[in-house]
């Protein structure tokens, strides 16, 4: 597994590449639009030139039918000159049209290349955030499973309600609010079902009590390694959290009807801050406030102690 610094560097590079690819794609789309407009103008010009040529040729035929032996009359010479002029103009416009068609084909090719590059860079960014990726893969220590309720407290009688709950969140959030990846996520409860006594029963499976999170991030959220506020600001409660330097903001829906409840988010954060004090700051094992010092000194299995003793960030 790569280090958080390596993950952050890879994500930063992928994000910058994605920005450049998106800009190139937008420029290619704009160039294609302009070339299509040029082609349309050229086609209209050719249409007018062809009409003028046909009219001039018709006028010349009519004049010659009326004057079959007179080839020196000023009228004949004028009509002949008009036919020649229209023929030359029609040929020039046709060449312009062919040039516009070639430019348009080139613009199509550029757009296709830009789109391919964009998709490749997007795939790289998704791979960085993929739960199966060797870059970000970590083992979830809870007993939770895919499609579970928050904290893994799942019973058969809640399966239907959980499915409806997930569908509502999927319609609102579309993808994981932390990674923007539309796969590998679960419907996470802000206030979990094992704390149902803290909120109204009608709110348990309300979309106002949930967000879409990638499975490992949801597991960390339930274990109070990190929290987010109503504005999407992320606070890491575990100093060695894998995504501490990567995920600094989440996209919280501000829909007044279905968006996450500010009160429920604040309740979750209050509980998380209280319970974080019962976790070992080095390995995040739940040991209780009384036993933390003894655990840290004797039995802590944490291997990533950095000396940065900012156990809990109070500013959320």
C-alpha atoms as a PDB file:
ATOM      1  CA  UNK A   1       0.000   0.000   0.000  1.00  0.00           C
ATOM      2  CA  UNK A   2       1.362   3.392  -0.938  1.00  0.00           C
ATOM      3  CA  UNK A   3       1.922   6.063   1.673  1.00  0.00           C
ATOM      4  CA  UNK A   4      -0.573   8.931   2.094  1.00  0.00           C
ATOM      5  CA  UNK A   5       2.058  11.307   0.679  1.00  0.00           C
ATOM      6  CA  UNK A   6       2.403   9.197  -2.463  1.00  0.00           C
ATOM      7  CA  UNK A   7      -1.373   8.983  -2.761  1.00  0.00           C
ATOM      8  CA  UNK A   8      -1.694  12.748  -2.359  1.00  0.00           C
ATOM      9  CA  UNK A   9       0.975  13.354  -5.023  1.00  0.00           C
ATOM     10  CA  UNK A  10      -0.654  10.921  -7.433  1.00  0.00           C
ATOM     11  CA  UNK A  11      -4.076  12.445  -6.842  1.00  0.00           C
ATOM     12  CA  UNK A  12      -2.751  15.979  -7.297  1.00  0.00           C
ATOM     13  CA  UNK A  13      -1.078  15.024 -10.586  1.00  0.00           C
ATOM     14  CA  UNK A  14      -4.179  13.177 -11.815  1.00  0.00           C
ATOM     15  CA  UNK A  15      -6.388  16.130 -10.907  1.00  0.00           C
ATOM     16  CA  UNK A  16      -4.108  18.548 -12.783  1.00  0.00           C
ATOM     17  CA  UNK A  17      -3.966  16.220 -15.793  1.00  0.00           C
ATOM     18  CA  UNK A  18      -7.749  15.944 -15.693  1.00  0.00           C
ATOM     19  CA  UNK A  19      -8.082  19.738 -15.621  1.00  0.00           C
ATOM     20  CA  UNK A  20      -5.811  20.122 -18.641  1.00  0.00           C
ATOM     21  CA  UNK A  21      -7.574  17.313 -20.481  1.00  0.00           C
ATOM     22  CA  UNK A  22     -10.953  18.912 -19.756  1.00  0.00           C
ATOM     23  CA  UNK A  23      -9.705  22.270 -21.061  1.00  0.00           C
ATOM     24  CA  UNK A  24      -8.348  20.617 -24.215  1.00  0.00           C
ATOM     25  CA  UNK A  25     -11.668  18.865 -24.696  1.00  0.00           C
ATOM     26  CA  UNK A  26     -13.567  22.128 -24.296  1.00  0.00           C
ATOM     27  CA  UNK A  27     -11.259  23.875 -26.797  1.00  0.00           C
ATOM     28  CA  UNK A  28     -11.692  21.028 -29.265  1.00  0.00           C
ATOM     29  CA  UNK A  29     -15.475  21.215 -28.900  1.00  0.00           C
ATOM     30  CA  UNK A  30     -15.382  24.989 -29.470  1.00  0.00           C
ATOM     31  CA  UNK A  31     -13.139  24.587 -32.536  1.00  0.00           C
ATOM     32  CA  UNK A  32     -15.492  21.946 -33.876  1.00  0.00           C
ATOM     33  CA  UNK A  33     -18.460  24.257 -33.364  1.00  0.00           C
ATOM     34  CA  UNK A  34     -16.740  27.080 -35.261  1.00  0.00           C
ATOM     35  CA  UNK A  35     -15.741  24.791 -38.113  1.00  0.00           C
ATOM     36  CA  UNK A  36     -19.290  23.507 -38.393  1.00  0.00           C
ATOM     37  CA  UNK A  37     -20.508  27.086 -38.676  1.00  0.00           C
ATOM     38  CA  UNK A  38     -17.872  27.766 -41.352  1.00  0.00           C
ATOM     39  CA  UNK A  39     -18.970  24.672 -43.228  1.00  0.00           C
ATOM     40  CA  UNK A  40     -22.607  25.753 -43.060  1.00  0.00           C
ATOM     41  CA  UNK A  41     -21.689  29.175 -44.445  1.00  0.00           C
ATOM     42  CA  UNK A  42     -19.662  27.561 -47.230  1.00  0.00           C
ATOM     43  CA  UNK A  43     -22.554  25.254 -48.107  1.00  0.00           C
ATOM     44  CA  UNK A  44     -24.936  28.211 -48.302  1.00  0.00           C
ATOM     45  CA  UNK A  45     -22.455  30.147 -50.453  1.00  0.00           C
ATOM     46  CA  UNK A  46     -22.141  27.172 -52.790  1.00  0.00           C
ATOM     47  CA  UNK A  47     -25.901  26.894 -53.005  1.00  0.00           C
ATOM     48  CA  UNK A  48     -26.187  30.568 -53.994  1.00  0.00           C
ATOM     49  CA  UNK A  49     -23.321  30.247 -56.495  1.00  0.00           C
ATOM     50  CA  UNK A  50     -24.948  27.224 -58.130  1.00  0.00           C
ATOM     51  CA  UNK A  51     -28.262  29.088 -58.400  1.00  0.00           C
ATOM     52  CA  UNK A  52     -26.535  32.115 -59.963  1.00  0.00           C
ATOM     53  CA  UNK A  53     -24.721  29.875 -62.453  1.00  0.00           C
ATOM     54  CA  UNK A  54     -27.916  28.064 -63.437  1.00  0.00           C
ATOM     55  CA  UNK A  55     -29.717  31.377 -63.893  1.00  0.00           C
ATOM     56  CA  UNK A  56     -26.881  32.794 -66.031  1.00  0.00           C
ATOM     57  CA  UNK A  57     -26.747  29.638 -68.163  1.00  0.00           C
ATOM     58  CA  UNK A  58     -30.520  29.741 -68.627  1.00  0.00           C
ATOM     59  CA  UNK A  59     -30.408  33.409 -69.662  1.00  0.00           C
ATOM     60  CA  UNK A  60     -27.645  32.618 -72.168  1.00  0.00           C
ATOM     61  CA  UNK A  61     -29.571  29.664 -73.625  1.00  0.00           C
ATOM     62  CA  UNK A  62     -32.697  31.777 -73.995  1.00  0.00           C
ATOM     63  CA  UNK A  63     -30.751  34.563 -75.726  1.00  0.00           C
ATOM     64  CA  UNK A  64     -29.080  32.121 -78.134  1.00  0.00           C
ATOM     65  CA  UNK A  65     -32.440  30.523 -78.908  1.00  0.00           C
ATOM     66  CA  UNK A  66     -33.760  33.936 -79.871  1.00  0.00           C
ATOM     67  CA  UNK A  67     -30.538  34.955 -81.673  1.00  0.00           C
ATOM     68  CA  UNK A  68     -29.016  31.729 -83.060  1.00  0.00           C
ATOM     69  CA  UNK A  69     -26.509  33.416 -85.399  1.00  0.00           C
ATOM     70  CA  UNK A  70     -25.536  36.554 -83.486  1.00  0.00           C
ATOM     71  CA  UNK A  71     -22.390  36.019 -81.426  1.00  0.00           C
ATOM     72  CA  UNK A  72     -21.120  39.602 -81.367  1.00  0.00           C
ATOM     73  CA  UNK A  73     -24.062  41.394 -79.789  1.00  0.00           C
ATOM     74  CA  UNK A  74     -23.303  43.178 -76.517  1.00  0.00           C
ATOM     75  CA  UNK A  75     -26.108  41.284 -74.813  1.00  0.00           C
ATOM     76  CA  UNK A  76     -24.609  37.944 -75.794  1.00  0.00           C
ATOM     77  CA  UNK A  77     -21.147  38.972 -74.648  1.00  0.00           C
ATOM     78  CA  UNK A  78     -22.512  40.194 -71.301  1.00  0.00           C
ATOM     79  CA  UNK A  79     -24.402  36.950 -70.708  1.00  0.00           C
ATOM     80  CA  UNK A  80     -21.336  34.887 -71.640  1.00  0.00           C
ATOM     81  CA  UNK A  81     -19.198  36.893 -69.226  1.00  0.00           C
ATOM     82  CA  UNK A  82     -21.787  36.365 -66.471  1.00  0.00           C
ATOM     83  CA  UNK A  83     -21.760  32.622 -67.037  1.00  0.00           C
ATOM     84  CA  UNK A  84     -17.950  32.600 -66.850  1.00  0.00           C
ATOM     85  CA  UNK A  85     -17.993  34.699 -63.663  1.00  0.00           C
ATOM     86  CA  UNK A  86     -20.551  32.429 -62.004  1.00  0.00           C
ATOM     87  CA  UNK A  87     -18.605  29.333 -63.067  1.00  0.00           C
ATOM     88  CA  UNK A  88     -15.374  30.657 -61.552  1.00  0.00           C
ATOM     89  CA  UNK A  89     -17.193  31.726 -58.358  1.00  0.00           C
ATOM     90  CA  UNK A  90     -18.898  28.360 -58.054  1.00  0.00           C
ATOM     91  CA  UNK A  91     -15.542  26.580 -58.373  1.00  0.00           C
ATOM     92  CA  UNK A  92     -13.926  28.802 -55.732  1.00  0.00           C
ATOM     93  CA  UNK A  93     -16.800  28.284 -53.319  1.00  0.00           C
ATOM     94  CA  UNK A  94     -16.638  24.537 -53.916  1.00  0.00           C
ATOM     95  CA  UNK A  95     -12.925  24.573 -53.073  1.00  0.00           C
ATOM     96  CA  UNK A  96     -13.681  26.565 -49.923  1.00  0.00           C
ATOM     97  CA  UNK A  97     -16.308  23.993 -48.994  1.00  0.00           C
ATOM     98  CA  UNK A  98     -13.890  21.116 -49.505  1.00  0.00           C
ATOM     99  CA  UNK A  99     -11.329  22.922 -47.340  1.00  0.00           C
ATOM    100  CA  UNK A 100     -13.939  23.462 -44.631  1.00  0.00           C
ATOM    101  CA  UNK A 101     -14.852  19.775 -44.770  1.00  0.00           C
ATOM    102  CA  UNK A 102     -11.202  18.808 -44.312  1.00  0.00           C
ATOM    103  CA  UNK A 103     -10.801  21.215 -41.396  1.00  0.00           C
ATOM    104  CA  UNK A 104     -13.996  19.848 -39.851  1.00  0.00           C
ATOM    105  CA  UNK A 105     -12.673  16.300 -40.195  1.00  0.00           C
ATOM    106  CA  UNK A 106      -9.475  17.415 -38.452  1.00  0.00           C
ATOM    107  CA  UNK A 107     -11.521  19.049 -35.692  1.00  0.00           C
ATOM    108  CA  UNK A 108     -13.469  15.803 -35.264  1.00  0.00           C
ATOM    109  CA  UNK A 109     -10.193  13.902 -34.950  1.00  0.00           C
ATOM    110  CA  UNK A 110      -8.828  16.415 -32.438  1.00  0.00           C
ATOM    111  CA  UNK A 111     -12.037  16.178 -30.421  1.00  0.00           C
ATOM    112  CA  UNK A 112     -11.905  12.380 -30.440  1.00  0.00           C
ATOM    113  CA  UNK A 113      -8.273  12.471 -29.285  1.00  0.00           C
ATOM    114  CA  UNK A 114      -9.072  15.003 -26.547  1.00  0.00           C
ATOM    115  CA  UNK A 115     -12.032  12.913 -25.415  1.00  0.00           C
ATOM    116  CA  UNK A 116      -9.880   9.774 -25.313  1.00  0.00           C
ATOM    117  CA  UNK A 117      -7.223  11.582 -23.278  1.00  0.00           C
ATOM    118  CA  UNK A 118      -9.898  12.904 -20.915  1.00  0.00           C
ATOM    119  CA  UNK A 119     -11.312   9.407 -20.379  1.00  0.00           C
ATOM    120  CA  UNK A 120      -7.824   7.985 -19.769  1.00  0.00           C
ATOM    121  CA  UNK A 121      -6.988  10.632 -17.176  1.00  0.00           C
ATOM    122  CA  UNK A 122     -10.409  10.202 -15.574  1.00  0.00           C
ATOM    123  CA  UNK A 123      -9.748   6.464 -15.334  1.00  0.00           C
ATOM    124  CA  UNK A 124      -6.438   7.189 -13.583  1.00  0.00           C
ATOM    125  CA  UNK A 125      -8.192   9.412 -11.046  1.00  0.00           C
ATOM    126  CA  UNK A 126     -10.873   6.765 -10.467  1.00  0.00           C
ATOM    127  CA  UNK A 127      -8.169   4.130 -10.006  1.00  0.00           C
ATOM    128  CA  UNK A 128      -6.574   6.223  -7.267  1.00  0.00           C
ATOM    129  CA  UNK A 129      -9.887   6.257  -5.410  1.00  0.00           C
ATOM    130  CA  UNK A 130     -10.887   2.685  -6.241  1.00  0.00           C
ATOM    131  CA  UNK A 131     -11.415   0.445  -3.196  1.00  0.00           C
ATOM    132  CA  UNK A 132      -9.673  -2.364  -5.128  1.00  0.00           C
ATOM    133  CA  UNK A 133      -6.688  -0.192  -6.043  1.00  0.00           C
ATOM    134  CA  UNK A 134      -3.309  -1.060  -4.530  1.00  0.00           C
ATOM    135  CA  UNK A 135      -2.844   2.670  -4.027  1.00  0.00           C
ATOM    136  CA  UNK A 136      -5.715   3.203  -1.642  1.00  0.00           C
ATOM    137  CA  UNK A 137      -6.788  -0.249  -0.573  1.00  0.00           C
ATOM    138  CA  UNK A 138      -7.026  -0.674   3.181  1.00  0.00           C
ATOM    139  CA  UNK A 139      -8.702  -3.360   5.233  1.00  0.00           C
ATOM    140  CA  UNK A 140     -11.941  -2.432   6.952  1.00  0.00           C
ATOM    141  CA  UNK A 141     -11.828  -3.566  10.558  1.00  0.00           C
ATOM    142  CA  UNK A 142     -15.569  -3.533  11.179  1.00  0.00           C
ATOM    143  CA  UNK A 143     -17.857  -6.434  10.338  1.00  0.00           C
ATOM    144  CA  UNK A 144     -19.832  -4.312   7.894  1.00  0.00           C
ATOM    145  CA  UNK A 145     -20.752  -5.586   4.428  1.00  0.00           C
ATOM    146  CA  UNK A 146     -21.849  -4.050   1.147  1.00  0.00           C
ATOM    147  CA  UNK A 147     -25.375  -2.630   1.354  1.00  0.00           C
ATOM    148  CA  UNK A 148     -25.183  -2.438   5.131  1.00  0.00           C
ATOM    149  CA  UNK A 149     -26.582   0.169   7.449  1.00  0.00           C
ATOM    150  CA  UNK A 150     -24.096   2.491   9.070  1.00  0.00           C
ATOM    151  CA  UNK A 151     -21.967   0.788  11.779  1.00  0.00           C
ATOM    152  CA  UNK A 152     -22.888  -2.581  10.306  1.00  0.00           C
ATOM    153  CA  UNK A 153     -25.950  -2.981  12.577  1.00  0.00           C
ATOM    154  CA  UNK A 154     -28.168  -4.552   9.921  1.00  0.00           C
ATOM    155  CA  UNK A 155     -31.277  -6.702  10.447  1.00  0.00           C
ATOM    156  CA  UNK A 156     -33.632  -8.368   7.984  1.00  0.00           C
ATOM    157  CA  UNK A 157     -36.516  -6.101   8.910  1.00  0.00           C
ATOM    158  CA  UNK A 158     -34.481  -3.088   7.827  1.00  0.00           C
ATOM    159  CA  UNK A 159     -33.402  -4.449   4.428  1.00  0.00           C
ATOM    160  CA  UNK A 160     -36.311  -2.993   2.456  1.00  0.00           C
ATOM    161  CA  UNK A 161     -36.066   0.365   4.219  1.00  0.00           C
ATOM    162  CA  UNK A 162     -32.301   0.393   3.620  1.00  0.00           C
ATOM    163  CA  UNK A 163     -32.791  -0.308  -0.085  1.00  0.00           C
ATOM    164  CA  UNK A 164     -35.259   2.580  -0.445  1.00  0.00           C
ATOM    165  CA  UNK A 165     -32.898   4.748   1.601  1.00  0.00           C
ATOM    166  CA  UNK A 166     -30.026   3.892  -0.756  1.00  0.00           C
ATOM    167  CA  UNK A 167     -32.107   4.630  -3.867  1.00  0.00           C
ATOM    168  CA  UNK A 168     -33.027   8.071  -2.535  1.00  0.00           C
ATOM    169  CA  UNK A 169     -29.393   8.893  -1.765  1.00  0.00           C
ATOM    170  CA  UNK A 170     -28.297   7.625  -5.174  1.00  0.00           C
ATOM    171  CA  UNK A 171     -30.832   9.898  -6.867  1.00  0.00           C
ATOM    172  CA  UNK A 172     -29.592  12.889  -4.861  1.00  0.00           C
ATOM    173  CA  UNK A 173     -25.825  12.389  -4.524  1.00  0.00           C
ATOM    174  CA  UNK A 174     -25.191  10.274  -7.684  1.00  0.00           C
ATOM    175  CA  UNK A 175     -21.689   9.326  -6.497  1.00  0.00           C
ATOM    176  CA  UNK A 176     -19.522   9.199  -3.376  1.00  0.00           C
ATOM    177  CA  UNK A 177     -19.523  12.726  -1.930  1.00  0.00           C
ATOM    178  CA  UNK A 178     -15.828  12.452  -1.016  1.00  0.00           C
ATOM    179  CA  UNK A 179     -14.304  10.924  -4.173  1.00  0.00           C
ATOM    180  CA  UNK A 180     -16.925  11.726  -6.858  1.00  0.00           C
ATOM    181  CA  UNK A 181     -16.576   8.134  -8.067  1.00  0.00           C
ATOM    182  CA  UNK A 182     -19.868   6.480  -8.995  1.00  0.00           C
ATOM    183  CA  UNK A 183     -18.993   2.960  -7.841  1.00  0.00           C
ATOM    184  CA  UNK A 184     -18.054   1.075  -4.699  1.00  0.00           C
ATOM    185  CA  UNK A 185     -20.159   3.295  -2.429  1.00  0.00           C
ATOM    186  CA  UNK A 186     -22.712   2.537   0.279  1.00  0.00           C
ATOM    187  CA  UNK A 187     -25.606   4.430   1.794  1.00  0.00           C
ATOM    188  CA  UNK A 188     -24.147   5.773   5.042  1.00  0.00           C
ATOM    189  CA  UNK A 189     -26.323   6.871   7.957  1.00  0.00           C
ATOM    190  CA  UNK A 190     -25.205  10.093   9.617  1.00  0.00           C
ATOM    191  CA  UNK A 191     -26.779   9.041  12.910  1.00  0.00           C
ATOM    192  CA  UNK A 192     -26.456   5.224  12.873  1.00  0.00           C
ATOM    193  CA  UNK A 193     -29.250   2.783  13.593  1.00  0.00           C
ATOM    194  CA  UNK A 194     -27.671   1.627  16.846  1.00  0.00           C
ATOM    195  CA  UNK A 195     -28.270   5.173  18.116  1.00  0.00           C
ATOM    196  CA  UNK A 196     -31.842   5.350  16.856  1.00  0.00           C
ATOM    197  CA  UNK A 197     -33.070   6.524  20.250  1.00  0.00           C
ATOM    198  CA  UNK A 198     -31.386   9.890  19.615  1.00  0.00           C
ATOM    199  CA  UNK A 199     -33.566  10.898  16.661  1.00  0.00           C
ATOM    200  CA  UNK A 200     -37.156  10.578  15.501  1.00  0.00           C
ATOM    201  CA  UNK A 201     -37.972   7.176  14.018  1.00  0.00           C
ATOM    202  CA  UNK A 202     -39.126   8.836  10.788  1.00  0.00           C
ATOM    203  CA  UNK A 203     -35.608  10.226  10.316  1.00  0.00           C
ATOM    204  CA  UNK A 204     -33.739   6.901  10.526  1.00  0.00           C
ATOM    205  CA  UNK A 205     -34.078   6.092   6.825  1.00  0.00           C
ATOM    206  CA  UNK A 206     -34.701   9.621   5.643  1.00  0.00           C
ATOM    207  CA  UNK A 207     -32.271  10.933   3.002  1.00  0.00           C
ATOM    208  CA  UNK A 208     -31.693  13.791   5.437  1.00  0.00           C
ATOM    209  CA  UNK A 209     -29.897  11.244   7.621  1.00  0.00           C
ATOM    210  CA  UNK A 210     -27.561   9.922   4.976  1.00  0.00           C
ATOM    211  CA  UNK A 211     -24.912  10.416   2.302  1.00  0.00           C
ATOM    212  CA  UNK A 212     -23.200   8.197  -0.262  1.00  0.00           C
ATOM    213  CA  UNK A 213     -19.656   7.257   0.757  1.00  0.00           C
ATOM    214  CA  UNK A 214     -17.149   4.813  -0.628  1.00  0.00           C
ATOM    215  CA  UNK A 215     -17.203   1.693   1.516  1.00  0.00           C
ATOM    216  CA  UNK A 216     -13.863   2.153   3.265  1.00  0.00           C
ATOM    217  CA  UNK A 217     -14.535   5.857   3.880  1.00  0.00           C
ATOM    218  CA  UNK A 218     -17.929   5.018   5.364  1.00  0.00           C
ATOM    219  CA  UNK A 219     -16.267   2.500   7.651  1.00  0.00           C
ATOM    220  CA  UNK A 220     -13.780   5.146   8.809  1.00  0.00           C
ATOM    221  CA  UNK A 221     -16.640   7.633   9.254  1.00  0.00           C
ATOM    222  CA  UNK A 222     -18.491   5.187  11.504  1.00  0.00           C
ATOM    223  CA  UNK A 223     -15.319   4.594  13.516  1.00  0.00           C
ATOM    224  CA  UNK A 224     -14.930   8.359  14.021  1.00  0.00           C
ATOM    225  CA  UNK A 225     -11.634   8.651  12.172  1.00  0.00           C
ATOM    226  CA  UNK A 226     -13.008  11.672  10.327  1.00  0.00           C
ATOM    227  CA  UNK A 227     -16.041  13.934  10.214  1.00  0.00           C
ATOM    228  CA  UNK A 228     -17.461  16.624   7.947  1.00  0.00           C
ATOM    229  CA  UNK A 229     -19.601  19.664   8.662  1.00  0.00           C
ATOM    230  CA  UNK A 230     -22.684  21.038   6.888  1.00  0.00           C
ATOM    231  CA  UNK A 231     -20.487  23.038   4.500  1.00  0.00           C
ATOM    232  CA  UNK A 232     -18.461  19.973   3.514  1.00  0.00           C
ATOM    233  CA  UNK A 233     -15.302  20.792   5.488  1.00  0.00           C
ATOM    234  CA  UNK A 234     -13.500  17.611   6.535  1.00  0.00           C
ATOM    235  CA  UNK A 235     -11.748  17.196   9.883  1.00  0.00           C
ATOM    236  CA  UNK A 236      -9.493  14.225  10.610  1.00  0.00           C
ATOM    237  CA  UNK A 237      -9.829  12.919  14.180  1.00  0.00           C
ATOM    238  CA  UNK A 238      -7.194  10.205  13.692  1.00  0.00           C
ATOM    239  CA  UNK A 239      -3.774  11.746  13.079  1.00  0.00           C
ATOM    240  CA  UNK A 240      -2.707   8.715  11.008  1.00  0.00           C
ATOM    241  CA  UNK A 241      -5.874   8.477   8.910  1.00  0.00           C
ATOM    242  CA  UNK A 242      -4.875   7.348   5.400  1.00  0.00           C
ATOM    243  CA  UNK A 243      -6.749  10.187   3.679  1.00  0.00           C
ATOM    244  CA  UNK A 244      -5.904  12.996   6.090  1.00  0.00           C
ATOM    245  CA  UNK A 245      -4.013  14.991   3.445  1.00  0.00           C
ATOM    246  CA  UNK A 246      -6.159  13.874   0.515  1.00  0.00           C
ATOM    247  CA  UNK A 247      -9.807  14.384   1.417  1.00  0.00           C
ATOM    248  CA  UNK A 248     -10.308  17.895   2.769  1.00  0.00           C
ATOM    249  CA  UNK A 249     -13.815  18.574   1.488  1.00  0.00           C
ATOM    250  CA  UNK A 250     -16.956  16.637   0.568  1.00  0.00           C
ATOM    251  CA  UNK A 251     -19.895  17.710  -1.574  1.00  0.00           C
ATOM    252  CA  UNK A 252     -22.834  17.986   0.810  1.00  0.00           C
ATOM    253  CA  UNK A 253     -26.158  18.499  -0.973  1.00  0.00           C
ATOM    254  CA  UNK A 254     -27.858  21.772  -0.047  1.00  0.00           C
ATOM    255  CA  UNK A 255     -31.286  20.630  -1.215  1.00  0.00           C
ATOM    256  CA  UNK A 256     -33.688  22.060   1.408  1.00  0.00           C
ATOM    257  CA  UNK A 257     -36.021  19.057   1.124  1.00  0.00           C
ATOM    258  CA  UNK A 258     -33.686  16.064   0.836  1.00  0.00           C
ATOM    259  CA  UNK A 259     -30.225  17.384   1.719  1.00  0.00           C
ATOM    260  CA  UNK A 260     -28.443  16.126   4.860  1.00  0.00           C
ATOM    261  CA  UNK A 261     -29.767  17.690   8.054  1.00  0.00           C
ATOM    262  CA  UNK A 262     -27.429  20.211   9.658  1.00  0.00           C
ATOM    263  CA  UNK A 263     -28.694  19.163  13.095  1.00  0.00           C
ATOM    264  CA  UNK A 264     -27.959  15.476  12.447  1.00  0.00           C
ATOM    265  CA  UNK A 265     -24.482  16.245  11.108  1.00  0.00           C
ATOM    266  CA  UNK A 266     -23.737  18.331  14.197  1.00  0.00           C
ATOM    267  CA  UNK A 267     -25.077  15.544  16.429  1.00  0.00           C
ATOM    268  CA  UNK A 268     -22.842  12.973  14.719  1.00  0.00           C
ATOM    269  CA  UNK A 269     -19.818  15.248  15.066  1.00  0.00           C
ATOM    270  CA  UNK A 270     -20.513  15.909  18.745  1.00  0.00           C
ATOM    271  CA  UNK A 271     -20.715  12.177  19.439  1.00  0.00           C
ATOM    272  CA  UNK A 272     -17.614  11.496  17.325  1.00  0.00           C
ATOM    273  CA  UNK A 273     -15.551  14.092  19.190  1.00  0.00           C
ATOM    274  CA  UNK A 274     -16.621  12.617  22.514  1.00  0.00           C
ATOM    275  CA  UNK A 275     -15.894   9.030  21.505  1.00  0.00           C
ATOM    276  CA  UNK A 276     -12.612   9.877  19.796  1.00  0.00           C
ATOM    277  CA  UNK A 277     -11.207  10.497  23.262  1.00  0.00           C
ATOM    278  CA  UNK A 278     -11.676   6.780  23.991  1.00  0.00           C
ATOM    279  CA  UNK A 279      -9.577   5.661  20.995  1.00  0.00           C
ATOM    280  CA  UNK A 280      -5.827   5.157  21.030  1.00  0.00           C
ATOM    281  CA  UNK A 281      -4.389   8.044  18.991  1.00  0.00           C
ATOM    282  CA  UNK A 282      -1.759   5.731  17.456  1.00  0.00           C
ATOM    283  CA  UNK A 283      -3.724   2.624  16.414  1.00  0.00           C
ATOM    284  CA  UNK A 284      -7.304   3.936  16.901  1.00  0.00           C
ATOM    285  CA  UNK A 285      -8.266   0.898  18.933  1.00  0.00           C
ATOM    286  CA  UNK A 286     -11.190   1.581  21.277  1.00  0.00           C
ATOM    287  CA  UNK A 287      -9.741   1.204  24.780  1.00  0.00           C
ATOM    288  CA  UNK A 288     -11.719   3.654  26.917  1.00  0.00           C
ATOM    289  CA  UNK A 289     -10.553   6.942  28.360  1.00  0.00           C
ATOM    290  CA  UNK A 290      -9.254   5.368  31.571  1.00  0.00           C
ATOM    291  CA  UNK A 291      -7.038   2.800  29.817  1.00  0.00           C
ATOM    292  CA  UNK A 292      -5.543   4.936  27.050  1.00  0.00           C
ATOM    293  CA  UNK A 293      -2.286   5.759  28.847  1.00  0.00           C
ATOM    294  CA  UNK A 294      -1.719   2.152  29.904  1.00  0.00           C
ATOM    295  CA  UNK A 295      -2.610   0.850  26.429  1.00  0.00           C
ATOM    296  CA  UNK A 296      -0.332   3.348  24.700  1.00  0.00           C
ATOM    297  CA  UNK A 297       2.591   2.498  26.954  1.00  0.00           C
ATOM    298  CA  UNK A 298       2.257  -1.302  26.922  1.00  0.00           C
ATOM    299  CA  UNK A 299       0.031  -2.922  24.325  1.00  0.00           C
ATOM    300  CA  UNK A 300      -0.433  -0.462  21.471  1.00  0.00           C
ATOM    301  CA  UNK A 301       0.226  -2.131  18.133  1.00  0.00           C
ATOM    302  CA  UNK A 302       0.300   1.136  16.203  1.00  0.00           C
ATOM    303  CA  UNK A 303       3.294   1.285  13.901  1.00  0.00           C
ATOM    304  CA  UNK A 304       2.774   4.720  12.352  1.00  0.00           C
ATOM    305  CA  UNK A 305       3.333   6.963  15.353  1.00  0.00           C
ATOM    306  CA  UNK A 306       4.723  10.201  13.970  1.00  0.00           C
ATOM    307  CA  UNK A 307       5.213  12.283  17.091  1.00  0.00           C
ATOM    308  CA  UNK A 308       2.463  14.590  15.977  1.00  0.00           C
ATOM    309  CA  UNK A 309       0.278  14.428  19.059  1.00  0.00           C
ATOM    310  CA  UNK A 310      -2.719  16.262  17.634  1.00  0.00           C
ATOM    311  CA  UNK A 311      -5.137  13.556  18.746  1.00  0.00           C
ATOM    312  CA  UNK A 312      -8.361  15.410  18.138  1.00  0.00           C
ATOM    313  CA  UNK A 313      -8.988  18.564  16.164  1.00  0.00           C
ATOM    314  CA  UNK A 314     -11.585  20.595  17.980  1.00  0.00           C
ATOM    315  CA  UNK A 315     -12.157  23.060  15.132  1.00  0.00           C
ATOM    316  CA  UNK A 316     -14.755  21.525  12.819  1.00  0.00           C
END
